Structures are given as C-alpha cells and as structure tokens.
Protein backbone atom coordinates (compact mmCIF):
# COMPACT_ATOMS: atom_id res chain seq x y z
CA MET A 1 -1.03 16.28 18.92
CA GLY A 2 -2.01 19.75 20.05
CA SER A 3 -1.30 22.05 22.96
CA SER A 4 -4.38 20.90 24.89
CA ILE A 5 -2.75 17.49 25.14
CA LYS A 6 0.43 19.08 26.44
CA GLN A 7 -1.62 20.89 29.08
CA PHE A 8 -3.26 17.61 30.09
CA PHE A 9 0.17 16.04 30.34
CA GLU A 10 1.49 18.86 32.51
CA LYS A 11 -1.56 18.76 34.79
CA TYR A 12 -1.83 15.00 35.34
CA ILE A 13 1.64 13.58 34.73
CA LYS A 14 4.56 14.93 36.71
CA PRO A 15 7.38 16.05 34.43
CA SER A 16 10.56 14.06 34.87
CA PRO A 17 13.84 13.55 33.02
CA ASP A 18 12.15 10.91 30.88
CA SER A 19 9.10 13.11 30.19
CA SER A 20 9.21 12.41 26.45
CA GLU A 21 8.61 8.73 27.26
CA LYS A 22 5.65 9.66 29.46
CA LEU A 23 4.30 11.96 26.76
CA ALA A 24 4.55 9.06 24.31
CA GLU A 25 2.58 6.85 26.72
CA HIS A 26 -0.01 9.59 27.08
CA SER A 27 -0.26 9.85 23.31
CA LEU A 28 -0.99 6.12 23.18
CA LYS A 29 -3.79 6.59 25.69
CA LEU A 30 -5.19 9.42 23.62
CA ALA A 31 -4.99 7.39 20.42
CA THR A 32 -6.86 4.51 22.05
CA ALA A 33 -9.52 6.84 23.44
CA ALA A 34 -9.94 8.45 20.03
CA LEU A 35 -10.47 5.09 18.32
CA LEU A 36 -13.04 4.07 20.93
CA LEU A 37 -14.89 7.35 20.39
CA GLU A 38 -14.85 6.73 16.65
CA MET A 39 -16.55 3.41 17.35
CA MET A 40 -19.23 5.13 19.37
CA TRP A 41 -20.00 7.56 16.54
CA ALA A 42 -19.81 5.02 13.72
CA ASP A 43 -23.50 4.17 13.59
CA LYS A 44 -24.61 7.79 14.16
CA LYS A 45 -26.47 6.64 17.30
CA ILE A 46 -24.73 7.39 20.56
CA SER A 47 -26.12 5.39 23.46
CA GLU A 48 -25.41 5.82 27.13
CA ASP A 49 -24.27 2.18 27.16
CA GLU A 50 -21.60 2.96 24.57
CA ARG A 51 -20.49 6.07 26.46
CA ARG A 52 -20.36 4.10 29.74
CA ILE A 53 -18.35 1.26 28.19
CA ILE A 54 -15.84 3.68 26.69
CA THR A 55 -15.42 5.51 29.98
CA LYS A 56 -15.01 2.25 31.89
CA SER A 57 -12.54 0.86 29.32
CA ILE A 58 -10.36 3.97 29.32
CA GLN A 59 -10.46 4.31 33.10
CA SER A 60 -9.54 0.69 33.80
CA LYS A 61 -7.08 0.25 30.93
CA PHE A 62 -5.01 3.27 31.91
CA LYS A 63 -5.80 3.43 35.66
CA LEU A 64 -7.09 7.00 35.48
CA THR A 65 -9.34 8.94 37.81
CA GLU A 66 -12.81 9.92 36.64
CA GLU A 67 -11.64 13.50 36.04
CA GLU A 68 -8.60 12.35 34.05
CA THR A 69 -10.78 9.99 32.01
CA ASN A 70 -13.29 12.71 31.16
CA THR A 71 -10.52 15.12 30.24
CA LEU A 72 -8.82 12.49 28.08
CA LEU A 73 -12.08 11.72 26.28
CA GLN A 74 -12.66 15.43 25.62
CA LEU A 75 -9.15 15.77 24.21
CA ALA A 76 -9.67 12.68 22.06
CA GLU A 77 -12.86 14.22 20.67
CA GLU A 78 -10.90 17.34 19.75
CA GLU A 79 -8.19 15.29 18.06
CA ILE A 80 -10.75 13.28 16.06
CA LYS A 81 -12.24 16.49 14.70
CA LYS A 82 -8.78 17.55 13.49
CA ALA A 83 -7.66 14.15 12.18
CA ILE A 84 -8.03 13.30 8.52
CA ASP A 85 -7.84 9.54 8.98
CA TYR A 86 -6.94 6.87 11.54
CA TYR A 87 -3.22 6.87 10.70
CA GLU A 88 -2.41 9.48 13.34
CA PHE A 89 -3.84 7.20 16.01
CA THR A 90 -2.88 3.78 14.67
CA SER A 91 0.74 4.80 14.04
CA LEU A 92 1.11 5.61 17.75
CA ILE A 93 -0.40 2.25 18.66
CA ASN A 94 1.91 0.43 16.22
CA LYS A 95 4.99 2.09 17.68
CA GLY A 96 4.07 1.77 21.33
CA PHE A 97 1.88 -1.28 21.89
CA THR A 98 2.76 -4.93 22.01
CA TYR A 99 0.63 -7.33 19.97
CA GLU A 100 -1.30 -8.26 23.14
CA ARG A 101 -2.10 -4.61 23.85
CA LYS A 102 -3.22 -4.16 20.24
CA LEU A 103 -5.62 -7.07 20.74
CA LYS A 104 -6.95 -5.32 23.84
CA VAL A 105 -7.65 -2.20 21.76
CA ILE A 106 -9.59 -4.34 19.27
CA GLU A 107 -11.43 -6.01 22.15
CA HIS A 108 -12.45 -2.64 23.58
CA MET A 109 -13.61 -1.54 20.14
CA TRP A 110 -15.80 -4.65 19.86
CA GLU A 111 -17.26 -3.94 23.31
CA VAL A 112 -18.29 -0.48 22.15
CA ALA A 113 -19.63 -1.86 18.86
CA PHE A 114 -21.81 -4.38 20.71
CA ALA A 115 -22.84 -2.00 23.53
CA ASP A 116 -26.28 -1.41 22.04
CA ALA A 117 -26.66 -5.14 21.22
CA GLU A 118 -26.54 -4.36 17.49
CA LEU A 119 -23.56 -4.50 15.19
CA ASP A 120 -23.81 -1.81 12.57
CA LYS A 121 -21.93 -2.35 9.30
CA TYR A 122 -19.97 0.88 9.86
CA GLU A 123 -18.91 -0.25 13.32
CA GLU A 124 -17.62 -3.54 11.94
CA TYR A 125 -15.86 -1.68 9.12
CA ILE A 126 -14.02 0.56 11.59
CA VAL A 127 -12.88 -2.34 13.77
CA ARG A 128 -11.70 -4.23 10.69
CA LYS A 129 -9.87 -1.18 9.32
CA VAL A 130 -8.16 -0.44 12.62
CA ALA A 131 -7.22 -4.11 13.06
CA ASP A 132 -5.60 -4.03 9.62
CA LEU A 133 -3.79 -0.76 10.35
CA ILE A 134 -2.35 -2.06 13.62
CA TYR A 135 -1.43 -5.40 12.06
CA VAL A 136 -3.79 -7.64 14.02
CA GLU A 137 -4.10 -10.98 12.26
CA HIS A 138 -7.52 -11.77 10.81
CA LYS A 139 -7.94 -14.89 12.95
CA ASP A 140 -7.33 -12.82 16.10
CA PHE A 141 -9.73 -10.16 14.83
CA ILE A 142 -12.47 -12.83 14.48
CA GLU A 143 -11.61 -14.61 17.75
CA THR A 144 -11.76 -11.32 19.63
CA LYS A 145 -15.12 -10.50 18.08
CA LEU A 146 -16.55 -13.89 19.05
CA ARG A 147 -15.09 -13.71 22.56
CA VAL A 148 -16.65 -10.28 23.19
CA LYS A 149 -19.96 -11.39 21.72
CA LYS A 150 -19.98 -14.44 24.01
CA LYS A 151 -18.94 -12.37 27.04
CA LEU A 152 -21.83 -9.98 26.42
CA SER A 153 -24.18 -12.94 25.82
CA LEU A 154 -25.26 -11.82 22.35
C-alpha cells in the first residue's frame, strides 16, 4: 500500500508503540473499502444509491467521521487503479478478519450489488470470487445473499 495510505494513517490515527498493528487494521479498512468500490463499478453504472450505501457501510463498520470515510474511499480508489487483482485486498482480509467479519464484508458487497434493485452478472461474479478468496463457505455466501435481498425487500 502506498505513501498516501501512510499519510492517511499519520493524519487520522495517532502513532503509538503498536503502530504497526494499527496500520494493519487501517489496511483492512482500506481493503474492505476497495472491494466495496469494485462492487459499485462492476456493472459500469454508478448510482447515488450505491455510493450512499458504500459510504454508510464504511462509516458505520469502522466508526469513521465523514471526512475520514471520504478520504478512505479516495485512497481505496487509488489502490484499485494500481491493483492487478483482488489478492492484495483479500489477503489482508484473510489475515486480519475473523470468519464473522468476512461474512460482514460479503454482506456489505451484496448491499452494494442490490443498491439499484438489479443484480448484474458481473456484480454477482465479484461477490462470488471474493467470497471464494476469503474462504467464505458457499452456504454462507447464499444465505447472506438471501438475507440482504430480504432486508432490502427485493
């Protein structure tokens, strides 16, 4: 992860003796934000609903201010442009998230996928691929999809 991420870290997270642990947590936040942005761009149609859901998810999941959330999303966009595949992001999630937190990531991805009330085949592909890469069981992948669909009354 680049120097812009380090600057974000220095601005919003106070350095401490265990700063490498905090940087790792920040990297997890960035990885999650990047995957949610990928979901938004998957169908080549970016709606305000998708953007709003991503912002809300990131802000609530990581308890960030609006400014921190916007900065994090901008950094995630930069990282996506540099990334070759999802491995950079999913490897951080695999190392740092419990299975329950991984399910939350998949849930947030489904929320973005369903934000425009349509599920595009590319959106479903990305959620499925990420679920596989972070070792979410298929039954949980499906249950999460159905739960989000029901919650959004689709």
